Amino acid sequence: MPLQRAVTDFAADVSFAQTMDKLVEHYGVLLGESTIRRITQGHAQRMFETFTPQASWPEEAGCEIVIAEMDGGMVPIVASDEARSDRRKGKHLHWKEAKLCLAHAQGDCTPVYGGTLQGGAESAGQALFDCATKAGFGKESHLHAVGDGAEWIALQVEERFGAQGSYLIDFYHVCGYLAAAGKALHSTEEAAVNWIQEQKTRLKTEGSEQLLQTLKPHREPSTIPDEDAPIRCCYRYLSQRLNQLGYPQALAQDLPIGSGEIESAHRYVVQQRLKRPGAWWRIENAEHMLALRLNRANKQWSAYWDNELPQAA
């Protein structure tokens, strides 16, 4: 079992082939790549199958504010043609979105992570609720969630947390719409940059109403397609999300208005192992490896190995 732990620990970070070299370097043990893969994927599958997300509403009061973020990122997936005797032929390559979330109490620098690859928005919402409760969300807490504007994230925050949750669109994401509108409104780059800076300040201090009034008379006619109507698109995007633009209130409470934390987490939790150059995963193996990576990110590694576990087949 100590050897299986070392194998799984190395293979959680680097390829199975590189794990062979590390085992020889550190322990003087030589194992075949297929054995390393079997051991690692066996424990990864166990971590995935034994995880049960928190589903019931917490009874404790909890901390005052829990900060949560959620985002999606793509993972390379390969599917074999089951009808072929040689599965090396007829492979289909595609990308699958891994939904990752994190949560931590305000002022706490240690987040709790969750995620899913095969599950849809409902599974991602369950993972978000599990993260929030483990981070200290209680019956008297408020959840401050930030995301990139995807509708499914906002719906899950509303469904899972109700009146005790609020959702804020990532400020950088909104600025992308402002930048396109500013370039359409002004003929010079300097004027566009100045206008964009003014509107960003306005959003952070006054809210969105004045900005919408500024954009409204300049909207392109409905006959112009969206790709050629940045002002209209910006106005429509903001006007349909007025309750998700509370930047002045968030800044007044020293709460984040950007989702950079979860975007960074995608790189060091998911992509570091699952998006390596030339690597393609079967969907079930990728799901299990994601569970392994989440286990380590949540510092549950020792708890898993301290239990009496059956050896990987």
C-alpha atoms as a PDB file:
ATOM      1  CA  MET A   1       0.000   0.000   0.000  1.00  0.00           C
ATOM      2  CA  PRO A   2       2.801   2.568   0.647  1.00  0.00           C
ATOM      3  CA  LEU A   3       4.091   1.839  -2.847  1.00  0.00           C
ATOM      4  CA  GLN A   4       0.603   2.285  -4.335  1.00  0.00           C
ATOM      5  CA  ARG A   5       0.353   5.597  -2.503  1.00  0.00           C
ATOM      6  CA  ALA A   6       3.653   6.791  -3.980  1.00  0.00           C
ATOM      7  CA  VAL A   7       2.635   5.619  -7.457  1.00  0.00           C
ATOM      8  CA  THR A   8      -0.712   7.412  -7.276  1.00  0.00           C
ATOM      9  CA  ASP A   9       0.850  10.552  -5.838  1.00  0.00           C
ATOM     10  CA  PHE A  10       3.376  10.843  -8.682  1.00  0.00           C
ATOM     11  CA  ALA A  11       0.875   9.918 -11.401  1.00  0.00           C
ATOM     12  CA  ALA A  12      -1.568  12.522 -10.108  1.00  0.00           C
ATOM     13  CA  ASP A  13       0.855  15.187 -11.352  1.00  0.00           C
ATOM     14  CA  VAL A  14       2.834  13.734 -14.257  1.00  0.00           C
ATOM     15  CA  SER A  15       2.297  11.188 -17.020  1.00  0.00           C
ATOM     16  CA  PHE A  16       2.374   7.485 -16.273  1.00  0.00           C
ATOM     17  CA  ALA A  17       5.623   7.172 -18.233  1.00  0.00           C
ATOM     18  CA  GLN A  18       7.273   9.941 -16.194  1.00  0.00           C
ATOM     19  CA  THR A  19       6.058   8.242 -13.015  1.00  0.00           C
ATOM     20  CA  MET A  20       8.193   5.227 -13.948  1.00  0.00           C
ATOM     21  CA  ASP A  21      11.314   7.420 -13.879  1.00  0.00           C
ATOM     22  CA  LYS A  22      10.368   9.064 -10.595  1.00  0.00           C
ATOM     23  CA  LEU A  23       9.839   5.727  -8.871  1.00  0.00           C
ATOM     24  CA  VAL A  24      13.301   4.567  -9.924  1.00  0.00           C
ATOM     25  CA  GLU A  25      14.883   7.894  -8.930  1.00  0.00           C
ATOM     26  CA  HIS A  26      13.314   8.115  -5.461  1.00  0.00           C
ATOM     27  CA  TYR A  27      12.662   4.501  -4.446  1.00  0.00           C
ATOM     28  CA  GLY A  28      14.728   2.308  -6.749  1.00  0.00           C
ATOM     29  CA  VAL A  29      11.540   0.513  -7.816  1.00  0.00           C
ATOM     30  CA  LEU A  30      10.789  -0.314 -11.437  1.00  0.00           C
ATOM     31  CA  LEU A  31       7.144  -0.764 -12.438  1.00  0.00           C
ATOM     32  CA  GLY A  32       5.686  -0.970 -15.918  1.00  0.00           C
ATOM     33  CA  GLU A  33       3.647   1.918 -17.280  1.00  0.00           C
ATOM     34  CA  SER A  34       0.520  -0.231 -17.562  1.00  0.00           C
ATOM     35  CA  THR A  35       0.830  -1.243 -13.886  1.00  0.00           C
ATOM     36  CA  ILE A  36       1.211   2.393 -12.853  1.00  0.00           C
ATOM     37  CA  ARG A  37      -1.842   3.339 -14.891  1.00  0.00           C
ATOM     38  CA  ARG A  38      -3.925   0.517 -13.398  1.00  0.00           C
ATOM     39  CA  ILE A  39      -3.001   1.393  -9.811  1.00  0.00           C
ATOM     40  CA  THR A  40      -3.570   5.111 -10.264  1.00  0.00           C
ATOM     41  CA  GLN A  41      -6.868   4.805 -12.089  1.00  0.00           C
ATOM     42  CA  GLY A  42      -8.067   2.225  -9.580  1.00  0.00           C
ATOM     43  CA  HIS A  43      -7.615   4.591  -6.654  1.00  0.00           C
ATOM     44  CA  ALA A  44      -8.935   7.542  -8.669  1.00  0.00           C
ATOM     45  CA  GLN A  45     -12.106   5.566  -9.404  1.00  0.00           C
ATOM     46  CA  ARG A  46     -12.499   4.700  -5.726  1.00  0.00           C
ATOM     47  CA  MET A  47     -12.183   8.373  -4.756  1.00  0.00           C
ATOM     48  CA  PHE A  48     -14.853   9.250  -7.311  1.00  0.00           C
ATOM     49  CA  GLU A  49     -17.265   6.489  -6.252  1.00  0.00           C
ATOM     50  CA  THR A  50     -16.964   7.059  -2.506  1.00  0.00           C
ATOM     51  CA  PHE A  51     -17.535  10.816  -2.643  1.00  0.00           C
ATOM     52  CA  THR A  52     -20.995  11.919  -1.487  1.00  0.00           C
ATOM     53  CA  PRO A  53     -21.754  15.657  -1.737  1.00  0.00           C
ATOM     54  CA  GLN A  54     -23.512  17.479   1.086  1.00  0.00           C
ATOM     55  CA  ALA A  55     -27.178  17.801   0.125  1.00  0.00           C
ATOM     56  CA  SER A  56     -29.117  18.811   3.253  1.00  0.00           C
ATOM     57  CA  TRP A  57     -29.486  22.409   4.378  1.00  0.00           C
ATOM     58  CA  PRO A  58     -27.026  23.164   7.205  1.00  0.00           C
ATOM     59  CA  GLU A  59     -28.275  23.417  10.781  1.00  0.00           C
ATOM     60  CA  GLU A  60     -25.402  25.578  12.075  1.00  0.00           C
ATOM     61  CA  ALA A  61     -25.476  29.372  11.821  1.00  0.00           C
ATOM     62  CA  GLY A  62     -22.288  29.393   9.748  1.00  0.00           C
ATOM     63  CA  CYS A  63     -19.962  32.265   8.926  1.00  0.00           C
ATOM     64  CA  GLU A  64     -21.305  35.620   7.766  1.00  0.00           C
ATOM     65  CA  ILE A  65     -20.237  35.512   4.098  1.00  0.00           C
ATOM     66  CA  VAL A  66     -18.998  32.669   1.906  1.00  0.00           C
ATOM     67  CA  ILE A  67     -17.352  33.541  -1.405  1.00  0.00           C
ATOM     68  CA  ALA A  68     -17.883  31.068  -4.239  1.00  0.00           C
ATOM     69  CA  GLU A  69     -16.804  30.915  -7.864  1.00  0.00           C
ATOM     70  CA  MET A  70     -17.608  28.524 -10.696  1.00  0.00           C
ATOM     71  CA  ASP A  71     -16.343  28.182 -14.250  1.00  0.00           C
ATOM     72  CA  GLY A  72     -15.991  25.659 -17.045  1.00  0.00           C
ATOM     73  CA  GLY A  73     -12.886  24.521 -18.888  1.00  0.00           C
ATOM     74  CA  MET A  74     -12.339  22.065 -21.722  1.00  0.00           C
ATOM     75  CA  VAL A  75     -10.692  18.638 -21.373  1.00  0.00           C
ATOM     76  CA  PRO A  76      -9.547  16.521 -24.372  1.00  0.00           C
ATOM     77  CA  ILE A  77     -11.557  13.290 -24.684  1.00  0.00           C
ATOM     78  CA  VAL A  78     -11.116  10.277 -26.977  1.00  0.00           C
ATOM     79  CA  ALA A  79     -13.845   7.729 -27.770  1.00  0.00           C
ATOM     80  CA  SER A  80     -13.099   4.410 -29.504  1.00  0.00           C
ATOM     81  CA  ASP A  81     -15.328   2.678 -32.010  1.00  0.00           C
ATOM     82  CA  GLU A  82     -16.632  -0.290 -30.004  1.00  0.00           C
ATOM     83  CA  ALA A  83     -17.562  -2.117 -33.210  1.00  0.00           C
ATOM     84  CA  ARG A  84     -13.938  -2.396 -34.304  1.00  0.00           C
ATOM     85  CA  SER A  85     -11.755  -5.227 -33.084  1.00  0.00           C
ATOM     86  CA  ASP A  86      -8.751  -2.892 -33.100  1.00  0.00           C
ATOM     87  CA  ARG A  87      -9.724   0.057 -30.912  1.00  0.00           C
ATOM     88  CA  ARG A  88      -6.701   1.997 -32.061  1.00  0.00           C
ATOM     89  CA  LYS A  89      -8.635   2.635 -35.267  1.00  0.00           C
ATOM     90  CA  GLY A  90     -11.783   4.692 -35.643  1.00  0.00           C
ATOM     91  CA  LYS A  91     -11.090   6.973 -32.679  1.00  0.00           C
ATOM     92  CA  HIS A  92     -13.138  10.123 -32.244  1.00  0.00           C
ATOM     93  CA  LEU A  93     -11.543  13.114 -30.539  1.00  0.00           C
ATOM     94  CA  HIS A  94     -13.588  15.873 -28.941  1.00  0.00           C
ATOM     95  CA  TRP A  95     -13.598  18.303 -26.015  1.00  0.00           C
ATOM     96  CA  LYS A  96     -15.695  18.052 -22.856  1.00  0.00           C
ATOM     97  CA  GLU A  97     -16.329  20.837 -20.356  1.00  0.00           C
ATOM     98  CA  ALA A  98     -15.109  20.240 -16.825  1.00  0.00           C
ATOM     99  CA  LYS A  99     -17.181  22.314 -14.407  1.00  0.00           C
ATOM    100  CA  LEU A 100     -15.057  23.434 -11.465  1.00  0.00           C
ATOM    101  CA  CYS A 101     -16.094  25.389  -8.369  1.00  0.00           C
ATOM    102  CA  LEU A 102     -14.549  26.637  -5.150  1.00  0.00           C
ATOM    103  CA  ALA A 103     -15.741  28.303  -1.969  1.00  0.00           C
ATOM    104  CA  HIS A 104     -14.179  29.850   1.125  1.00  0.00           C
ATOM    105  CA  ALA A 105     -15.258  32.077   3.958  1.00  0.00           C
ATOM    106  CA  GLN A 106     -14.520  35.765   3.506  1.00  0.00           C
ATOM    107  CA  GLY A 107     -10.986  36.371   4.711  1.00  0.00           C
ATOM    108  CA  ASP A 108     -10.020  32.701   4.428  1.00  0.00           C
ATOM    109  CA  CYS A 109      -7.299  31.879   1.902  1.00  0.00           C
ATOM    110  CA  THR A 110      -7.926  28.104   1.796  1.00  0.00           C
ATOM    111  CA  PRO A 111     -10.769  27.229  -0.582  1.00  0.00           C
ATOM    112  CA  VAL A 112     -12.736  24.008  -0.857  1.00  0.00           C
ATOM    113  CA  TYR A 113     -12.891  22.629  -4.410  1.00  0.00           C
ATOM    114  CA  GLY A 114     -15.495  20.619  -6.269  1.00  0.00           C
ATOM    115  CA  GLY A 115     -16.288  19.701  -9.825  1.00  0.00           C
ATOM    116  CA  THR A 116     -17.698  17.323 -12.386  1.00  0.00           C
ATOM    117  CA  LEU A 117     -16.930  16.293 -15.943  1.00  0.00           C
ATOM    118  CA  GLN A 118     -19.769  14.049 -17.054  1.00  0.00           C
ATOM    119  CA  GLY A 119     -22.415  15.679 -14.869  1.00  0.00           C
ATOM    120  CA  GLY A 120     -24.460  18.612 -16.106  1.00  0.00           C
ATOM    121  CA  ALA A 121     -25.518  21.850 -14.448  1.00  0.00           C
ATOM    122  CA  GLU A 122     -27.383  20.007 -11.659  1.00  0.00           C
ATOM    123  CA  SER A 123     -24.299  18.032 -10.671  1.00  0.00           C
ATOM    124  CA  ALA A 124     -22.212  21.197 -10.773  1.00  0.00           C
ATOM    125  CA  GLY A 125     -24.753  22.900  -8.524  1.00  0.00           C
ATOM    126  CA  GLN A 126     -24.532  20.014  -6.042  1.00  0.00           C
ATOM    127  CA  ALA A 127     -20.742  20.367  -6.047  1.00  0.00           C
ATOM    128  CA  LEU A 128     -21.052  24.103  -5.422  1.00  0.00           C
ATOM    129  CA  PHE A 129     -23.417  23.576  -2.484  1.00  0.00           C
ATOM    130  CA  ASP A 130     -21.088  20.934  -1.049  1.00  0.00           C
ATOM    131  CA  CYS A 131     -18.104  23.306  -1.314  1.00  0.00           C
ATOM    132  CA  ALA A 132     -20.031  26.162   0.292  1.00  0.00           C
ATOM    133  CA  THR A 133     -21.215  24.118   3.281  1.00  0.00           C
ATOM    134  CA  LYS A 134     -17.742  22.716   3.880  1.00  0.00           C
ATOM    135  CA  ALA A 135     -16.364  26.259   3.676  1.00  0.00           C
ATOM    136  CA  GLY A 136     -18.698  27.440   6.446  1.00  0.00           C
ATOM    137  CA  PHE A 137     -22.025  28.285   4.789  1.00  0.00           C
ATOM    138  CA  GLY A 138     -24.845  27.974   7.314  1.00  0.00           C
ATOM    139  CA  LYS A 139     -28.472  28.885   7.806  1.00  0.00           C
ATOM    140  CA  GLU A 140     -27.524  32.489   8.637  1.00  0.00           C
ATOM    141  CA  SER A 141     -24.829  32.896   5.988  1.00  0.00           C
ATOM    142  CA  HIS A 142     -24.848  34.734   2.683  1.00  0.00           C
ATOM    143  CA  LEU A 143     -23.209  33.315  -0.447  1.00  0.00           C
ATOM    144  CA  HIS A 144     -21.439  35.770  -2.745  1.00  0.00           C
ATOM    145  CA  ALA A 145     -20.937  33.960  -6.064  1.00  0.00           C
ATOM    146  CA  VAL A 146     -18.955  35.219  -9.053  1.00  0.00           C
ATOM    147  CA  GLY A 147     -18.930  33.743 -12.554  1.00  0.00           C
ATOM    148  CA  ASP A 148     -18.422  34.584 -16.207  1.00  0.00           C
ATOM    149  CA  GLY A 149     -22.058  35.278 -17.015  1.00  0.00           C
ATOM    150  CA  ALA A 150     -23.062  31.750 -18.021  1.00  0.00           C
ATOM    151  CA  GLU A 151     -26.783  31.418 -17.378  1.00  0.00           C
ATOM    152  CA  TRP A 152     -26.528  27.925 -15.888  1.00  0.00           C
ATOM    153  CA  ILE A 153     -24.238  29.186 -13.100  1.00  0.00           C
ATOM    154  CA  ALA A 154     -26.631  31.955 -12.100  1.00  0.00           C
ATOM    155  CA  LEU A 155     -29.560  29.513 -12.130  1.00  0.00           C
ATOM    156  CA  GLN A 156     -27.736  27.041  -9.900  1.00  0.00           C
ATOM    157  CA  VAL A 157     -26.849  29.765  -7.383  1.00  0.00           C
ATOM    158  CA  GLU A 158     -30.499  30.808  -7.254  1.00  0.00           C
ATOM    159  CA  GLU A 159     -31.778  27.239  -7.033  1.00  0.00           C
ATOM    160  CA  ARG A 160     -29.326  26.065  -4.364  1.00  0.00           C
ATOM    161  CA  PHE A 161     -29.131  29.130  -2.121  1.00  0.00           C
ATOM    162  CA  GLY A 162     -32.290  31.139  -2.807  1.00  0.00           C
ATOM    163  CA  ALA A 163     -32.463  34.467  -0.993  1.00  0.00           C
ATOM    164  CA  GLN A 164     -29.230  33.652   0.854  1.00  0.00           C
ATOM    165  CA  GLY A 165     -27.212  33.784  -2.344  1.00  0.00           C
ATOM    166  CA  SER A 166     -26.299  36.460  -4.862  1.00  0.00           C
ATOM    167  CA  TYR A 167     -24.553  36.188  -8.197  1.00  0.00           C
ATOM    168  CA  LEU A 168     -22.167  38.712  -9.726  1.00  0.00           C
ATOM    169  CA  ILE A 169     -20.895  38.642 -13.299  1.00  0.00           C
ATOM    170  CA  ASP A 170     -17.124  38.720 -13.553  1.00  0.00           C
ATOM    171  CA  PHE A 171     -16.193  42.379 -14.095  1.00  0.00           C
ATOM    172  CA  TYR A 172     -13.601  41.562 -16.743  1.00  0.00           C
ATOM    173  CA  HIS A 173     -16.274  39.729 -18.742  1.00  0.00           C
ATOM    174  CA  VAL A 174     -18.503  42.809 -18.719  1.00  0.00           C
ATOM    175  CA  CYS A 175     -15.563  44.969 -19.762  1.00  0.00           C
ATOM    176  CA  GLY A 176     -15.303  42.938 -22.966  1.00  0.00           C
ATOM    177  CA  TYR A 177     -18.750  44.195 -23.983  1.00  0.00           C
ATOM    178  CA  LEU A 178     -17.827  47.740 -22.950  1.00  0.00           C
ATOM    179  CA  ALA A 179     -14.654  47.650 -25.043  1.00  0.00           C
ATOM    180  CA  ALA A 180     -16.554  46.627 -28.167  1.00  0.00           C
ATOM    181  CA  ALA A 181     -19.200  49.310 -27.596  1.00  0.00           C
ATOM    182  CA  GLY A 182     -16.579  52.000 -26.921  1.00  0.00           C
ATOM    183  CA  LYS A 183     -14.804  51.318 -30.198  1.00  0.00           C
ATOM    184  CA  ALA A 184     -18.109  51.572 -32.049  1.00  0.00           C
ATOM    185  CA  LEU A 185     -19.035  54.864 -30.347  1.00  0.00           C
ATOM    186  CA  HIS A 186     -15.746  56.679 -30.938  1.00  0.00           C
ATOM    187  CA  SER A 187     -13.650  57.111 -34.050  1.00  0.00           C
ATOM    188  CA  THR A 188     -10.284  57.374 -32.283  1.00  0.00           C
ATOM    189  CA  GLU A 189      -8.622  54.849 -30.029  1.00  0.00           C
ATOM    190  CA  GLU A 190      -7.838  57.456 -27.384  1.00  0.00           C
ATOM    191  CA  ALA A 191     -11.460  58.573 -27.147  1.00  0.00           C
ATOM    192  CA  ALA A 192     -12.636  54.960 -26.948  1.00  0.00           C
ATOM    193  CA  VAL A 193     -10.174  54.128 -24.169  1.00  0.00           C
ATOM    194  CA  ASN A 194     -11.204  57.192 -22.163  1.00  0.00           C
ATOM    195  CA  TRP A 195     -14.895  56.341 -22.573  1.00  0.00           C
ATOM    196  CA  ILE A 196     -14.333  52.731 -21.498  1.00  0.00           C
ATOM    197  CA  GLN A 197     -12.439  53.851 -18.377  1.00  0.00           C
ATOM    198  CA  GLU A 198     -15.248  56.264 -17.472  1.00  0.00           C
ATOM    199  CA  GLN A 199     -17.874  53.538 -17.792  1.00  0.00           C
ATOM    200  CA  LYS A 200     -15.832  51.074 -15.759  1.00  0.00           C
ATOM    201  CA  THR A 201     -15.586  53.640 -12.965  1.00  0.00           C
ATOM    202  CA  ARG A 202     -19.294  54.350 -13.272  1.00  0.00           C
ATOM    203  CA  LEU A 203     -20.147  50.662 -12.948  1.00  0.00           C
ATOM    204  CA  LYS A 204     -18.041  50.374  -9.802  1.00  0.00           C
ATOM    205  CA  THR A 205     -19.435  53.495  -8.128  1.00  0.00           C
ATOM    206  CA  GLU A 206     -22.877  54.366  -9.499  1.00  0.00           C
ATOM    207  CA  GLY A 207     -24.158  51.073 -10.854  1.00  0.00           C
ATOM    208  CA  SER A 208     -25.451  50.246 -14.313  1.00  0.00           C
ATOM    209  CA  GLU A 209     -28.446  52.544 -14.801  1.00  0.00           C
ATOM    210  CA  GLN A 210     -26.493  55.577 -16.027  1.00  0.00           C
ATOM    211  CA  LEU A 211     -24.439  53.426 -18.349  1.00  0.00           C
ATOM    212  CA  LEU A 212     -27.571  51.968 -19.909  1.00  0.00           C
ATOM    213  CA  GLN A 213     -28.972  55.433 -20.458  1.00  0.00           C
ATOM    214  CA  THR A 214     -25.745  56.390 -22.213  1.00  0.00           C
ATOM    215  CA  LEU A 215     -25.891  53.366 -24.521  1.00  0.00           C
ATOM    216  CA  LYS A 216     -29.616  53.407 -25.261  1.00  0.00           C
ATOM    217  CA  PRO A 217     -29.797  56.190 -27.925  1.00  0.00           C
ATOM    218  CA  HIS A 218     -26.826  54.767 -29.838  1.00  0.00           C
ATOM    219  CA  ARG A 219     -28.136  51.237 -30.328  1.00  0.00           C
ATOM    220  CA  GLU A 220     -27.884  49.890 -33.861  1.00  0.00           C
ATOM    221  CA  PRO A 221     -31.140  49.123 -35.750  1.00  0.00           C
ATOM    222  CA  SER A 222     -32.584  45.645 -35.297  1.00  0.00           C
ATOM    223  CA  THR A 223     -31.955  44.916 -38.976  1.00  0.00           C
ATOM    224  CA  ILE A 224     -28.190  44.839 -38.348  1.00  0.00           C
ATOM    225  CA  PRO A 225     -26.876  41.404 -37.242  1.00  0.00           C
ATOM    226  CA  ASP A 226     -25.468  41.055 -33.738  1.00  0.00           C
ATOM    227  CA  GLU A 227     -21.885  40.628 -34.907  1.00  0.00           C
ATOM    228  CA  ASP A 228     -22.056  44.134 -36.385  1.00  0.00           C
ATOM    229  CA  ALA A 229     -24.004  45.711 -33.499  1.00  0.00           C
ATOM    230  CA  PRO A 230     -21.709  45.879 -30.438  1.00  0.00           C
ATOM    231  CA  ILE A 231     -23.601  48.751 -28.787  1.00  0.00           C
ATOM    232  CA  ARG A 232     -26.925  46.960 -29.011  1.00  0.00           C
ATOM    233  CA  CYS A 233     -25.357  43.718 -27.746  1.00  0.00           C
ATOM    234  CA  CYS A 234     -23.765  45.520 -24.806  1.00  0.00           C
ATOM    235  CA  TYR A 235     -27.044  47.227 -23.892  1.00  0.00           C
ATOM    236  CA  ARG A 236     -29.019  43.988 -24.157  1.00  0.00           C
ATOM    237  CA  TYR A 237     -26.462  41.994 -22.174  1.00  0.00           C
ATOM    238  CA  LEU A 238     -26.414  44.476 -19.291  1.00  0.00           C
ATOM    239  CA  SER A 239     -30.137  45.232 -19.245  1.00  0.00           C
ATOM    240  CA  GLN A 240     -30.989  41.522 -18.967  1.00  0.00           C
ATOM    241  CA  ARG A 241     -28.654  41.094 -15.979  1.00  0.00           C
ATOM    242  CA  LEU A 242     -29.286  44.127 -13.816  1.00  0.00           C
ATOM    243  CA  ASN A 243     -29.446  42.052 -10.628  1.00  0.00           C
ATOM    244  CA  GLN A 244     -25.998  40.593 -11.416  1.00  0.00           C
ATOM    245  CA  LEU A 245     -24.135  43.919 -11.668  1.00  0.00           C
ATOM    246  CA  GLY A 246     -23.938  44.925  -8.005  1.00  0.00           C
ATOM    247  CA  TYR A 247     -20.298  46.018  -8.116  1.00  0.00           C
ATOM    248  CA  PRO A 248     -20.635  49.054  -5.794  1.00  0.00           C
ATOM    249  CA  GLN A 249     -22.223  46.918  -3.070  1.00  0.00           C
ATOM    250  CA  ALA A 250     -19.618  44.163  -3.455  1.00  0.00           C
ATOM    251  CA  LEU A 251     -16.694  46.591  -3.305  1.00  0.00           C
ATOM    252  CA  ALA A 252     -18.195  48.294  -0.251  1.00  0.00           C
ATOM    253  CA  GLN A 253     -18.111  44.903   1.536  1.00  0.00           C
ATOM    254  CA  ASP A 254     -14.596  44.103   0.296  1.00  0.00           C
ATOM    255  CA  LEU A 255     -15.911  41.245  -1.843  1.00  0.00           C
ATOM    256  CA  PRO A 256     -14.367  40.154  -5.172  1.00  0.00           C
ATOM    257  CA  ILE A 257     -15.889  41.298  -8.462  1.00  0.00           C
ATOM    258  CA  GLY A 258     -13.741  39.044 -10.644  1.00  0.00           C
ATOM    259  CA  SER A 259     -13.524  35.285 -11.101  1.00  0.00           C
ATOM    260  CA  GLY A 260      -9.765  35.055 -11.500  1.00  0.00           C
ATOM    261  CA  GLU A 261      -9.490  32.654  -8.577  1.00  0.00           C
ATOM    262  CA  ILE A 262     -11.500  29.912 -10.280  1.00  0.00           C
ATOM    263  CA  GLU A 263      -9.826  30.531 -13.641  1.00  0.00           C
ATOM    264  CA  SER A 264      -6.456  29.992 -11.990  1.00  0.00           C
ATOM    265  CA  ALA A 265      -7.803  26.893 -10.238  1.00  0.00           C
ATOM    266  CA  HIS A 266      -8.644  25.373 -13.615  1.00  0.00           C
ATOM    267  CA  ARG A 267      -4.984  25.558 -14.525  1.00  0.00           C
ATOM    268  CA  TYR A 268      -3.545  24.007 -11.362  1.00  0.00           C
ATOM    269  CA  VAL A 269      -6.363  21.573 -10.506  1.00  0.00           C
ATOM    270  CA  VAL A 270      -7.624  20.383 -13.894  1.00  0.00           C
ATOM    271  CA  GLN A 271      -5.351  21.343 -16.766  1.00  0.00           C
ATOM    272  CA  GLN A 272      -2.033  20.558 -15.081  1.00  0.00           C
ATOM    273  CA  ARG A 273      -2.797  16.844 -15.401  1.00  0.00           C
ATOM    274  CA  LEU A 274      -5.730  16.460 -17.771  1.00  0.00           C
ATOM    275  CA  LYS A 275      -4.668  18.900 -20.473  1.00  0.00           C
ATOM    276  CA  ARG A 276      -1.068  17.915 -21.045  1.00  0.00           C
ATOM    277  CA  PRO A 277       0.314  18.161 -24.614  1.00  0.00           C
ATOM    278  CA  GLY A 278      -0.689  15.119 -26.640  1.00  0.00           C
ATOM    279  CA  ALA A 279      -2.857  13.620 -23.884  1.00  0.00           C
ATOM    280  CA  TRP A 280      -6.381  12.407 -24.648  1.00  0.00           C
ATOM    281  CA  TRP A 281      -8.604  10.697 -22.075  1.00  0.00           C
ATOM    282  CA  ARG A 282     -11.452   8.243 -22.075  1.00  0.00           C
ATOM    283  CA  ILE A 283     -14.347  10.082 -20.460  1.00  0.00           C
ATOM    284  CA  GLU A 284     -14.636   7.818 -17.398  1.00  0.00           C
ATOM    285  CA  ASN A 285     -10.892   7.900 -16.722  1.00  0.00           C
ATOM    286  CA  ALA A 286     -10.851  11.694 -16.974  1.00  0.00           C
ATOM    287  CA  GLU A 287     -13.738  11.900 -14.484  1.00  0.00           C
ATOM    288  CA  HIS A 288     -11.884   9.687 -12.042  1.00  0.00           C
ATOM    289  CA  MET A 289      -8.613  11.596 -12.421  1.00  0.00           C
ATOM    290  CA  LEU A 290     -10.493  14.830 -11.771  1.00  0.00           C
ATOM    291  CA  ALA A 291     -11.767  13.305  -8.522  1.00  0.00           C
ATOM    292  CA  LEU A 292      -8.191  12.395  -7.611  1.00  0.00           C
ATOM    293  CA  ARG A 293      -6.993  15.931  -8.289  1.00  0.00           C
ATOM    294  CA  LEU A 294      -9.841  17.381  -6.225  1.00  0.00           C
ATOM    295  CA  ASN A 295      -9.008  15.011  -3.381  1.00  0.00           C
ATOM    296  CA  ARG A 296      -5.462  16.336  -3.262  1.00  0.00           C
ATOM    297  CA  ALA A 297      -6.483  19.979  -3.688  1.00  0.00           C
ATOM    298  CA  ASN A 298      -8.848  19.609  -0.716  1.00  0.00           C
ATOM    299  CA  LYS A 299      -6.045  18.070   1.382  1.00  0.00           C
ATOM    300  CA  GLN A 300      -8.012  14.844   1.841  1.00  0.00           C
ATOM    301  CA  TRP A 301      -5.096  12.749   0.632  1.00  0.00           C
ATOM    302  CA  SER A 302      -3.967  11.420   4.015  1.00  0.00           C
ATOM    303  CA  ALA A 303      -7.532  10.721   5.149  1.00  0.00           C
ATOM    304  CA  TYR A 304      -8.078   8.549   2.079  1.00  0.00           C
ATOM    305  CA  TRP A 305      -4.921   6.488   2.565  1.00  0.00           C
ATOM    306  CA  ASP A 306      -5.325   6.196   6.331  1.00  0.00           C
ATOM    307  CA  ASN A 307      -8.529   4.208   5.787  1.00  0.00           C
ATOM    308  CA  GLU A 308      -8.270   0.460   5.256  1.00  0.00           C
ATOM    309  CA  LEU A 309      -8.415   0.238   1.480  1.00  0.00           C
ATOM    310  CA  PRO A 310      -8.433  -2.749  -0.838  1.00  0.00           C
ATOM    311  CA  GLN A 311      -5.431  -2.809  -3.110  1.00  0.00           C
ATOM    312  CA  ALA A 312      -6.037  -1.659  -6.659  1.00  0.00           C
ATOM    313  CA  ALA A 313      -6.624  -4.612  -8.970  1.00  0.00           C
END
